[in-house]
Amino acid sequence: MKILKIIGLGIIGFIALLLLIALFIPNDYTVSVSTTINKPQQVVFDYVKLIKNQEYYSIWVMQDPNVKMLYQGVDGTVGFKATWDSKDDNVGAGSQQITAISEDRIDVDLHFERPMKGDNKVSTLLGSVSENQTKVTSEFYGHSPYPMNLIIFIGEKIIKDAETQNLANLKKILEK
């Protein structure tokens, strides 16, 4: 009986320690990945500003060939909205909407319904390296509430891996 009490107190102490640590971990995070594409900035911009083109390079969209997509507005302009619904829990359901666009930046609001509800932001930044080279940076701005911020590194790793693959796919398409 005494050993069970010690084990119980140890578990409670460990959980309390984790909750205390989570108080000092930021809730907001940014995942940023970049690549250089051997094409002029305008060519890259004209391709990435179109949300529908993500069907060819986004691993999230390509993961479920049966995903239902709904588009509203004029693609490549502020206000354009893409909604997805998939039976695959890795894809889930949600929407993305262009909120700002300029010649070197596209800002998008993400809204997730499934498998978890949430709202985040994504930006695609473009910069000319040379006449025929463009640096493309994908930035994901996330928020993880307490105490889930304790495992924020898991989400960051998943997003970084996905965005790295998305940019590799984009590079391959544009450099054909």
N, C-alpha and C. Protein backbone atom coordinates (compact mmCIF):
# COMPACT_ATOMS: atom_id res chain seq x y z
N MET A 1 0.83 -1.19 0.00
CA MET A 1 0.00 0.00 0.00
C MET A 1 0.87 1.25 0.00
N LYS A 2 1.95 1.23 0.77
CA LYS A 2 2.84 2.38 0.86
C LYS A 2 3.53 2.65 -0.48
N ILE A 3 3.89 1.57 -1.18
CA ILE A 3 4.55 1.71 -2.49
C ILE A 3 3.60 2.34 -3.51
N LEU A 4 2.31 1.97 -3.46
CA LEU A 4 1.33 2.56 -4.37
C LEU A 4 1.18 4.05 -4.10
N LYS A 5 1.22 4.43 -2.83
CA LYS A 5 1.12 5.84 -2.46
C LYS A 5 2.32 6.61 -3.01
N ILE A 6 3.51 6.04 -2.91
CA ILE A 6 4.73 6.67 -3.42
C ILE A 6 4.66 6.80 -4.94
N ILE A 7 4.23 5.75 -5.60
CA ILE A 7 4.09 5.78 -7.06
C ILE A 7 3.06 6.84 -7.47
N GLY A 8 1.94 6.88 -6.80
CA GLY A 8 0.89 7.86 -7.08
C GLY A 8 1.38 9.28 -6.91
N LEU A 9 2.09 9.53 -5.80
CA LEU A 9 2.64 10.87 -5.57
C LEU A 9 3.70 11.22 -6.62
N GLY A 10 4.47 10.24 -7.02
CA GLY A 10 5.48 10.46 -8.07
C GLY A 10 4.83 10.86 -9.39
N ILE A 11 3.75 10.17 -9.76
CA ILE A 11 3.04 10.49 -11.01
C ILE A 11 2.43 11.89 -10.92
N ILE A 12 1.80 12.20 -9.81
CA ILE A 12 1.20 13.53 -9.62
C ILE A 12 2.30 14.61 -9.67
N GLY A 13 3.42 14.35 -9.04
CA GLY A 13 4.55 15.29 -9.06
C GLY A 13 5.09 15.51 -10.47
N PHE A 14 5.19 14.42 -11.22
CA PHE A 14 5.68 14.51 -12.61
C PHE A 14 4.73 15.33 -13.47
N ILE A 15 3.44 15.07 -13.34
CA ILE A 15 2.43 15.83 -14.10
C ILE A 15 2.48 17.31 -13.71
N ALA A 16 2.59 17.58 -12.43
CA ALA A 16 2.68 18.97 -11.96
C ALA A 16 3.93 19.66 -12.54
N LEU A 17 5.04 18.93 -12.60
CA LEU A 17 6.27 19.48 -13.17
C LEU A 17 6.07 19.82 -14.65
N LEU A 18 5.45 18.91 -15.39
CA LEU A 18 5.19 19.15 -16.81
C LEU A 18 4.28 20.37 -17.01
N LEU A 19 3.26 20.50 -16.19
CA LEU A 19 2.36 21.65 -16.29
C LEU A 19 3.09 22.94 -15.94
N LEU A 20 4.00 22.88 -15.00
CA LEU A 20 4.80 24.06 -14.64
C LEU A 20 5.72 24.44 -15.80
N ILE A 21 6.36 23.47 -16.40
CA ILE A 21 7.24 23.74 -17.55
C ILE A 21 6.44 24.36 -18.69
N ALA A 22 5.24 23.87 -18.93
CA ALA A 22 4.40 24.38 -20.02
C ALA A 22 4.07 25.86 -19.84
N LEU A 23 4.08 26.34 -18.60
CA LEU A 23 3.83 27.77 -18.35
C LEU A 23 4.90 28.65 -18.97
N PHE A 24 6.10 28.11 -19.18
CA PHE A 24 7.23 28.89 -19.67
C PHE A 24 7.52 28.65 -21.16
N ILE A 25 6.73 27.81 -21.79
CA ILE A 25 6.91 27.53 -23.22
C ILE A 25 5.94 28.43 -23.99
N PRO A 26 6.43 29.11 -25.04
CA PRO A 26 5.55 30.00 -25.81
C PRO A 26 4.37 29.24 -26.43
N ASN A 27 3.26 29.94 -26.56
CA ASN A 27 2.08 29.35 -27.19
C ASN A 27 2.09 29.55 -28.70
N ASP A 28 2.76 30.60 -29.16
CA ASP A 28 2.80 30.92 -30.58
C ASP A 28 4.13 30.47 -31.16
N TYR A 29 4.09 30.01 -32.40
CA TYR A 29 5.31 29.54 -33.05
C TYR A 29 5.24 29.82 -34.55
N THR A 30 6.41 29.86 -35.17
CA THR A 30 6.51 30.06 -36.61
C THR A 30 7.41 28.96 -37.16
N VAL A 31 6.95 28.33 -38.23
CA VAL A 31 7.76 27.35 -38.95
C VAL A 31 8.06 27.97 -40.30
N SER A 32 9.34 28.09 -40.62
CA SER A 32 9.75 28.74 -41.86
C SER A 32 10.70 27.83 -42.63
N VAL A 33 10.39 27.58 -43.90
CA VAL A 33 11.27 26.80 -44.77
C VAL A 33 11.41 27.54 -46.10
N SER A 34 12.58 27.39 -46.72
CA SER A 34 12.85 28.10 -47.96
C SER A 34 13.51 27.20 -48.98
N THR A 35 13.38 27.60 -50.23
CA THR A 35 14.10 26.95 -51.32
C THR A 35 14.34 28.01 -52.39
N THR A 36 15.27 27.73 -53.27
CA THR A 36 15.52 28.61 -54.40
C THR A 36 15.08 27.89 -55.66
N ILE A 37 14.26 28.57 -56.44
CA ILE A 37 13.73 28.02 -57.68
C ILE A 37 14.38 28.75 -58.84
N ASN A 38 14.86 28.00 -59.81
CA ASN A 38 15.55 28.58 -60.96
C ASN A 38 14.56 29.06 -62.00
N LYS A 39 13.81 30.07 -61.62
CA LYS A 39 12.85 30.75 -62.49
C LYS A 39 12.74 32.19 -62.01
N PRO A 40 12.37 33.12 -62.90
CA PRO A 40 12.18 34.50 -62.48
C PRO A 40 11.06 34.63 -61.44
N GLN A 41 11.15 35.65 -60.60
CA GLN A 41 10.19 35.84 -59.52
C GLN A 41 8.76 35.92 -60.04
N GLN A 42 8.53 36.61 -61.16
CA GLN A 42 7.17 36.77 -61.67
C GLN A 42 6.56 35.43 -62.07
N VAL A 43 7.36 34.55 -62.64
CA VAL A 43 6.88 33.22 -63.04
C VAL A 43 6.46 32.42 -61.80
N VAL A 44 7.30 32.47 -60.77
CA VAL A 44 7.00 31.75 -59.53
C VAL A 44 5.76 32.34 -58.87
N PHE A 45 5.71 33.67 -58.78
CA PHE A 45 4.57 34.35 -58.17
C PHE A 45 3.26 33.99 -58.89
N ASP A 46 3.28 34.04 -60.22
CA ASP A 46 2.06 33.75 -60.99
C ASP A 46 1.55 32.33 -60.73
N TYR A 47 2.44 31.41 -60.38
CA TYR A 47 2.03 30.03 -60.09
C TYR A 47 1.55 29.87 -58.65
N VAL A 48 2.31 30.39 -57.68
CA VAL A 48 1.96 30.14 -56.28
C VAL A 48 0.78 30.97 -55.78
N LYS A 49 0.46 32.06 -56.45
CA LYS A 49 -0.68 32.87 -56.00
C LYS A 49 -2.01 32.15 -56.26
N LEU A 50 -1.99 31.17 -57.14
CA LEU A 50 -3.21 30.41 -57.45
C LEU A 50 -3.33 29.23 -56.50
N ILE A 51 -4.29 29.31 -55.61
CA ILE A 51 -4.51 28.26 -54.60
C ILE A 51 -4.81 26.91 -55.28
N LYS A 52 -5.50 26.94 -56.40
CA LYS A 52 -5.83 25.69 -57.09
C LYS A 52 -4.59 24.92 -57.51
N ASN A 53 -3.48 25.61 -57.73
CA ASN A 53 -2.24 24.92 -58.11
C ASN A 53 -1.69 24.04 -56.99
N GLN A 54 -2.15 24.24 -55.76
CA GLN A 54 -1.70 23.40 -54.66
C GLN A 54 -2.09 21.94 -54.87
N GLU A 55 -3.06 21.71 -55.73
CA GLU A 55 -3.44 20.32 -56.05
C GLU A 55 -2.27 19.55 -56.66
N TYR A 56 -1.27 20.25 -57.18
CA TYR A 56 -0.14 19.62 -57.85
C TYR A 56 1.13 19.55 -57.00
N TYR A 57 1.17 20.32 -55.91
CA TYR A 57 2.40 20.29 -55.11
C TYR A 57 2.20 20.16 -53.60
N SER A 58 1.01 20.36 -53.08
CA SER A 58 0.78 20.25 -51.64
C SER A 58 0.53 18.80 -51.24
N ILE A 59 1.36 18.30 -50.34
CA ILE A 59 1.19 16.90 -49.93
C ILE A 59 -0.14 16.70 -49.21
N TRP A 60 -0.66 17.77 -48.58
CA TRP A 60 -1.93 17.65 -47.87
C TRP A 60 -3.06 17.40 -48.86
N VAL A 61 -3.08 18.14 -49.94
CA VAL A 61 -4.14 17.99 -50.95
C VAL A 61 -3.96 16.68 -51.71
N MET A 62 -2.72 16.37 -52.06
CA MET A 62 -2.45 15.17 -52.87
C MET A 62 -2.63 13.87 -52.09
N GLN A 63 -2.68 13.95 -50.78
CA GLN A 63 -2.77 12.74 -49.95
C GLN A 63 -4.08 11.99 -50.18
N ASP A 64 -5.16 12.71 -50.48
CA ASP A 64 -6.45 12.07 -50.70
C ASP A 64 -6.98 12.44 -52.09
N PRO A 65 -6.88 11.54 -53.05
CA PRO A 65 -7.36 11.84 -54.40
C PRO A 65 -8.88 12.06 -54.44
N ASN A 66 -9.59 11.66 -53.39
CA ASN A 66 -11.04 11.81 -53.36
C ASN A 66 -11.50 13.01 -52.52
N VAL A 67 -10.55 13.88 -52.14
CA VAL A 67 -10.91 15.05 -51.34
C VAL A 67 -11.89 15.91 -52.14
N LYS A 68 -12.91 16.40 -51.45
CA LYS A 68 -13.89 17.28 -52.10
C LYS A 68 -13.43 18.72 -51.92
N MET A 69 -13.24 19.42 -53.04
CA MET A 69 -12.78 20.80 -53.02
C MET A 69 -13.91 21.71 -53.50
N LEU A 70 -14.04 22.86 -52.85
CA LEU A 70 -15.01 23.87 -53.25
C LEU A 70 -14.26 25.20 -53.30
N TYR A 71 -14.42 25.91 -54.41
CA TYR A 71 -13.72 27.18 -54.59
C TYR A 71 -14.73 28.31 -54.71
N GLN A 72 -14.39 29.45 -54.07
CA GLN A 72 -15.25 30.62 -54.13
C GLN A 72 -14.40 31.84 -54.44
N GLY A 73 -14.82 32.61 -55.45
CA GLY A 73 -14.11 33.83 -55.80
C GLY A 73 -13.17 33.62 -56.96
N VAL A 74 -12.32 34.62 -57.16
CA VAL A 74 -11.35 34.60 -58.25
C VAL A 74 -9.99 34.19 -57.68
N ASP A 75 -9.50 33.04 -58.15
CA ASP A 75 -8.24 32.51 -57.64
C ASP A 75 -7.11 33.53 -57.88
N GLY A 76 -6.23 33.63 -56.89
CA GLY A 76 -5.10 34.53 -56.99
C GLY A 76 -5.42 35.96 -56.56
N THR A 77 -6.61 36.16 -55.98
CA THR A 77 -6.99 37.50 -55.52
C THR A 77 -7.44 37.43 -54.06
N VAL A 78 -7.38 38.59 -53.38
CA VAL A 78 -7.82 38.66 -51.99
C VAL A 78 -9.28 38.25 -51.91
N GLY A 79 -9.59 37.40 -50.96
CA GLY A 79 -10.95 36.92 -50.75
C GLY A 79 -11.20 35.53 -51.33
N PHE A 80 -10.33 35.06 -52.23
CA PHE A 80 -10.53 33.72 -52.79
C PHE A 80 -10.47 32.70 -51.66
N LYS A 81 -11.41 31.76 -51.68
CA LYS A 81 -11.51 30.77 -50.61
C LYS A 81 -11.59 29.37 -51.19
N ALA A 82 -10.78 28.49 -50.65
CA ALA A 82 -10.80 27.07 -51.01
C ALA A 82 -11.20 26.29 -49.76
N THR A 83 -12.21 25.45 -49.90
CA THR A 83 -12.69 24.61 -48.80
C THR A 83 -12.45 23.16 -49.18
N TRP A 84 -11.98 22.37 -48.23
CA TRP A 84 -11.76 20.95 -48.50
C TRP A 84 -12.49 20.10 -47.46
N ASP A 85 -12.83 18.88 -47.89
CA ASP A 85 -13.47 17.91 -47.00
C ASP A 85 -13.01 16.53 -47.43
N SER A 86 -12.37 15.83 -46.51
CA SER A 86 -11.82 14.51 -46.81
C SER A 86 -12.24 13.53 -45.72
N LYS A 87 -12.44 12.29 -46.12
CA LYS A 87 -12.71 11.23 -45.14
C LYS A 87 -11.41 10.76 -44.48
N ASP A 88 -10.27 11.12 -45.07
CA ASP A 88 -8.96 10.79 -44.53
C ASP A 88 -8.66 11.75 -43.38
N ASP A 89 -8.50 11.24 -42.17
CA ASP A 89 -8.25 12.10 -41.00
C ASP A 89 -6.95 12.88 -41.10
N ASN A 90 -6.01 12.43 -41.92
CA ASN A 90 -4.77 13.18 -42.10
C ASN A 90 -4.99 14.44 -42.93
N VAL A 91 -6.07 14.48 -43.69
CA VAL A 91 -6.41 15.64 -44.52
C VAL A 91 -7.51 16.45 -43.83
N GLY A 92 -8.53 15.77 -43.32
CA GLY A 92 -9.59 16.42 -42.56
C GLY A 92 -10.46 17.35 -43.38
N ALA A 93 -10.93 18.40 -42.73
CA ALA A 93 -11.81 19.38 -43.37
C ALA A 93 -11.42 20.77 -42.88
N GLY A 94 -11.58 21.74 -43.78
CA GLY A 94 -11.27 23.11 -43.42
C GLY A 94 -11.31 24.01 -44.62
N SER A 95 -10.72 25.18 -44.47
CA SER A 95 -10.69 26.14 -45.57
C SER A 95 -9.45 27.01 -45.48
N GLN A 96 -9.11 27.62 -46.59
CA GLN A 96 -8.05 28.61 -46.63
C GLN A 96 -8.52 29.76 -47.49
N GLN A 97 -8.18 30.98 -47.07
CA GLN A 97 -8.64 32.17 -47.77
C GLN A 97 -7.50 33.16 -47.89
N ILE A 98 -7.31 33.69 -49.10
CA ILE A 98 -6.28 34.70 -49.33
C ILE A 98 -6.72 35.99 -48.65
N THR A 99 -5.86 36.52 -47.78
CA THR A 99 -6.20 37.74 -47.04
C THR A 99 -5.40 38.95 -47.50
N ALA A 100 -4.24 38.73 -48.11
CA ALA A 100 -3.42 39.83 -48.62
C ALA A 100 -2.51 39.28 -49.71
N ILE A 101 -2.23 40.13 -50.69
CA ILE A 101 -1.36 39.70 -51.78
C ILE A 101 -0.60 40.92 -52.32
N SER A 102 0.68 40.71 -52.53
CA SER A 102 1.52 41.73 -53.17
C SER A 102 2.50 40.98 -54.06
N GLU A 103 3.37 41.68 -54.76
CA GLU A 103 4.25 40.99 -55.71
C GLU A 103 5.28 40.08 -55.04
N ASP A 104 5.46 40.24 -53.71
CA ASP A 104 6.45 39.39 -53.04
C ASP A 104 5.90 38.66 -51.81
N ARG A 105 4.57 38.66 -51.64
CA ARG A 105 4.00 38.01 -50.46
C ARG A 105 2.53 37.66 -50.68
N ILE A 106 2.15 36.47 -50.22
CA ILE A 106 0.76 36.02 -50.24
C ILE A 106 0.43 35.55 -48.83
N ASP A 107 -0.60 36.15 -48.22
CA ASP A 107 -1.02 35.77 -46.87
C ASP A 107 -2.35 35.03 -46.95
N VAL A 108 -2.44 33.94 -46.19
CA VAL A 108 -3.62 33.08 -46.22
C VAL A 108 -4.03 32.75 -44.79
N ASP A 109 -5.32 32.82 -44.51
CA ASP A 109 -5.87 32.35 -43.24
C ASP A 109 -6.30 30.90 -43.42
N LEU A 110 -5.92 30.06 -42.48
CA LEU A 110 -6.31 28.65 -42.48
C LEU A 110 -7.33 28.42 -41.37
N HIS A 111 -8.36 27.68 -41.69
CA HIS A 111 -9.36 27.30 -40.69
C HIS A 111 -9.55 25.79 -40.78
N PHE A 112 -9.33 25.11 -39.66
CA PHE A 112 -9.45 23.66 -39.61
C PHE A 112 -10.71 23.27 -38.83
N GLU A 113 -11.45 22.34 -39.38
CA GLU A 113 -12.64 21.79 -38.71
C GLU A 113 -12.36 20.39 -38.16
N ARG A 114 -11.67 19.57 -38.96
CA ARG A 114 -11.36 18.19 -38.58
C ARG A 114 -9.94 17.88 -39.00
N PRO A 115 -9.21 17.07 -38.33
CA PRO A 115 -9.58 16.31 -37.15
C PRO A 115 -9.59 17.15 -35.88
N MET A 116 -8.97 18.35 -35.91
CA MET A 116 -9.01 19.25 -34.76
C MET A 116 -9.38 20.64 -35.25
N LYS A 117 -10.17 21.34 -34.46
CA LYS A 117 -10.52 22.72 -34.81
C LYS A 117 -9.33 23.62 -34.54
N GLY A 118 -9.18 24.63 -35.39
CA GLY A 118 -8.10 25.59 -35.17
C GLY A 118 -8.02 26.61 -36.28
N ASP A 119 -7.36 27.70 -35.98
CA ASP A 119 -7.12 28.76 -36.95
C ASP A 119 -5.65 29.12 -36.93
N ASN A 120 -5.06 29.22 -38.10
CA ASN A 120 -3.66 29.58 -38.25
C ASN A 120 -3.50 30.47 -39.47
N LYS A 121 -2.29 30.89 -39.70
CA LYS A 121 -1.98 31.72 -40.86
C LYS A 121 -0.76 31.15 -41.57
N VAL A 122 -0.72 31.38 -42.88
CA VAL A 122 0.41 30.95 -43.70
C VAL A 122 0.78 32.11 -44.62
N SER A 123 2.08 32.30 -44.82
CA SER A 123 2.54 33.30 -45.79
C SER A 123 3.53 32.64 -46.73
N THR A 124 3.45 33.04 -47.99
CA THR A 124 4.45 32.65 -48.98
C THR A 124 5.18 33.93 -49.36
N LEU A 125 6.49 33.93 -49.14
CA LEU A 125 7.31 35.10 -49.40
C LEU A 125 8.22 34.81 -50.59
N LEU A 126 8.33 35.77 -51.49
CA LEU A 126 9.16 35.60 -52.67
C LEU A 126 10.19 36.71 -52.75
N GLY A 127 11.41 36.34 -53.10
CA GLY A 127 12.47 37.32 -53.27
C GLY A 127 13.36 36.92 -54.42
N SER A 128 13.71 37.90 -55.22
CA SER A 128 14.56 37.65 -56.37
C SER A 128 16.01 37.47 -55.91
N VAL A 129 16.60 36.33 -56.25
CA VAL A 129 18.00 36.07 -55.96
C VAL A 129 18.84 36.61 -57.11
N SER A 130 18.35 36.37 -58.33
CA SER A 130 18.96 36.88 -59.56
C SER A 130 17.84 36.97 -60.59
N GLU A 131 18.18 37.32 -61.79
CA GLU A 131 17.17 37.47 -62.84
C GLU A 131 16.36 36.18 -63.05
N ASN A 132 17.01 35.04 -62.89
CA ASN A 132 16.35 33.76 -63.13
C ASN A 132 16.32 32.85 -61.90
N GLN A 133 16.41 33.43 -60.72
CA GLN A 133 16.32 32.65 -59.49
C GLN A 133 15.46 33.38 -58.47
N THR A 134 14.58 32.61 -57.82
CA THR A 134 13.68 33.18 -56.82
C THR A 134 13.76 32.36 -55.54
N LYS A 135 13.91 33.07 -54.43
CA LYS A 135 13.85 32.41 -53.13
C LYS A 135 12.39 32.41 -52.70
N VAL A 136 11.88 31.21 -52.39
CA VAL A 136 10.50 31.06 -51.91
C VAL A 136 10.57 30.58 -50.47
N THR A 137 9.88 31.32 -49.59
CA THR A 137 9.83 30.95 -48.19
C THR A 137 8.38 30.73 -47.80
N SER A 138 8.11 29.60 -47.19
CA SER A 138 6.78 29.29 -46.68
C SER A 138 6.84 29.41 -45.17
N GLU A 139 5.98 30.27 -44.62
CA GLU A 139 5.94 30.46 -43.18
C GLU A 139 4.56 30.09 -42.64
N PHE A 140 4.55 29.25 -41.62
CA PHE A 140 3.33 28.81 -40.95
C PHE A 140 3.35 29.42 -39.56
N TYR A 141 2.28 30.15 -39.23
CA TYR A 141 2.18 30.79 -37.92
C TYR A 141 1.12 30.05 -37.12
N GLY A 142 1.56 29.36 -36.08
CA GLY A 142 0.66 28.52 -35.31
C GLY A 142 0.48 28.99 -33.88
N HIS A 143 -0.51 28.43 -33.25
CA HIS A 143 -0.80 28.71 -31.85
C HIS A 143 -1.19 27.40 -31.18
N SER A 144 -0.61 27.14 -30.05
CA SER A 144 -0.91 25.93 -29.29
C SER A 144 -1.24 26.35 -27.86
N PRO A 145 -2.48 26.18 -27.43
CA PRO A 145 -2.87 26.64 -26.10
C PRO A 145 -2.23 25.79 -25.00
N TYR A 146 -2.12 26.40 -23.81
CA TYR A 146 -1.64 25.70 -22.63
C TYR A 146 -2.63 24.59 -22.28
N PRO A 147 -2.22 23.42 -21.96
CA PRO A 147 -0.88 22.89 -21.78
C PRO A 147 -0.36 22.14 -23.02
N MET A 148 -1.12 22.22 -24.12
CA MET A 148 -0.70 21.52 -25.33
C MET A 148 0.59 22.09 -25.91
N ASN A 149 0.94 23.32 -25.51
CA ASN A 149 2.19 23.91 -25.97
C ASN A 149 3.41 23.12 -25.50
N LEU A 150 3.21 22.23 -24.54
CA LEU A 150 4.29 21.37 -24.05
C LEU A 150 4.81 20.46 -25.16
N ILE A 151 3.95 20.08 -26.09
CA ILE A 151 4.36 19.18 -27.18
C ILE A 151 4.37 19.90 -28.53
N ILE A 152 4.59 21.22 -28.49
CA ILE A 152 4.58 22.04 -29.69
C ILE A 152 5.61 21.56 -30.72
N PHE A 153 6.72 21.01 -30.25
CA PHE A 153 7.79 20.57 -31.14
C PHE A 153 7.31 19.47 -32.10
N ILE A 154 6.32 18.68 -31.71
CA ILE A 154 5.81 17.62 -32.58
C ILE A 154 5.09 18.24 -33.77
N GLY A 155 4.22 19.21 -33.51
CA GLY A 155 3.51 19.90 -34.58
C GLY A 155 4.47 20.65 -35.49
N GLU A 156 5.46 21.29 -34.89
CA GLU A 156 6.45 22.02 -35.70
C GLU A 156 7.19 21.08 -36.64
N LYS A 157 7.56 19.92 -36.17
CA LYS A 157 8.29 18.94 -37.00
C LYS A 157 7.41 18.46 -38.15
N ILE A 158 6.16 18.15 -37.88
CA ILE A 158 5.24 17.69 -38.93
C ILE A 158 5.06 18.77 -39.99
N ILE A 159 4.86 20.00 -39.55
CA ILE A 159 4.65 21.11 -40.49
C ILE A 159 5.93 21.38 -41.28
N LYS A 160 7.06 21.37 -40.62
CA LYS A 160 8.33 21.63 -41.32
C LYS A 160 8.58 20.57 -42.40
N ASP A 161 8.38 19.31 -42.06
CA ASP A 161 8.57 18.23 -43.03
C ASP A 161 7.62 18.39 -44.22
N ALA A 162 6.35 18.72 -43.93
CA ALA A 162 5.36 18.87 -45.00
C ALA A 162 5.70 20.07 -45.89
N GLU A 163 6.04 21.19 -45.29
CA GLU A 163 6.36 22.39 -46.09
C GLU A 163 7.64 22.21 -46.90
N THR A 164 8.61 21.49 -46.34
CA THR A 164 9.83 21.18 -47.09
C THR A 164 9.51 20.35 -48.32
N GLN A 165 8.64 19.36 -48.17
CA GLN A 165 8.25 18.53 -49.31
C GLN A 165 7.42 19.34 -50.31
N ASN A 166 6.53 20.20 -49.81
CA ASN A 166 5.73 21.04 -50.71
C ASN A 166 6.63 21.92 -51.58
N LEU A 167 7.65 22.54 -50.96
CA LEU A 167 8.55 23.39 -51.74
C LEU A 167 9.40 22.57 -52.71
N ALA A 168 9.78 21.36 -52.34
CA ALA A 168 10.52 20.49 -53.26
C ALA A 168 9.64 20.13 -54.46
N ASN A 169 8.35 19.84 -54.20
CA ASN A 169 7.41 19.54 -55.28
C ASN A 169 7.22 20.76 -56.18
N LEU A 170 7.09 21.93 -55.58
CA LEU A 170 6.91 23.18 -56.33
C LEU A 170 8.13 23.44 -57.22
N LYS A 171 9.31 23.27 -56.66
CA LYS A 171 10.56 23.47 -57.41
C LYS A 171 10.61 22.55 -58.62
N LYS A 172 10.27 21.30 -58.41
CA LYS A 172 10.29 20.30 -59.49
C LYS A 172 9.33 20.69 -60.61
N ILE A 173 8.14 21.14 -60.25
CA ILE A 173 7.14 21.54 -61.25
C ILE A 173 7.63 22.75 -62.05
N LEU A 174 8.08 23.76 -61.35
CA LEU A 174 8.44 25.01 -62.02
C LEU A 174 9.75 24.94 -62.80
N GLU A 175 10.63 24.03 -62.44
CA GLU A 175 11.90 23.93 -63.14
C GLU A 175 11.88 22.93 -64.29
N LYS A 176 10.70 22.39 -64.62
CA LYS A 176 10.59 21.44 -65.74
C LYS A 176 11.00 22.11 -67.03
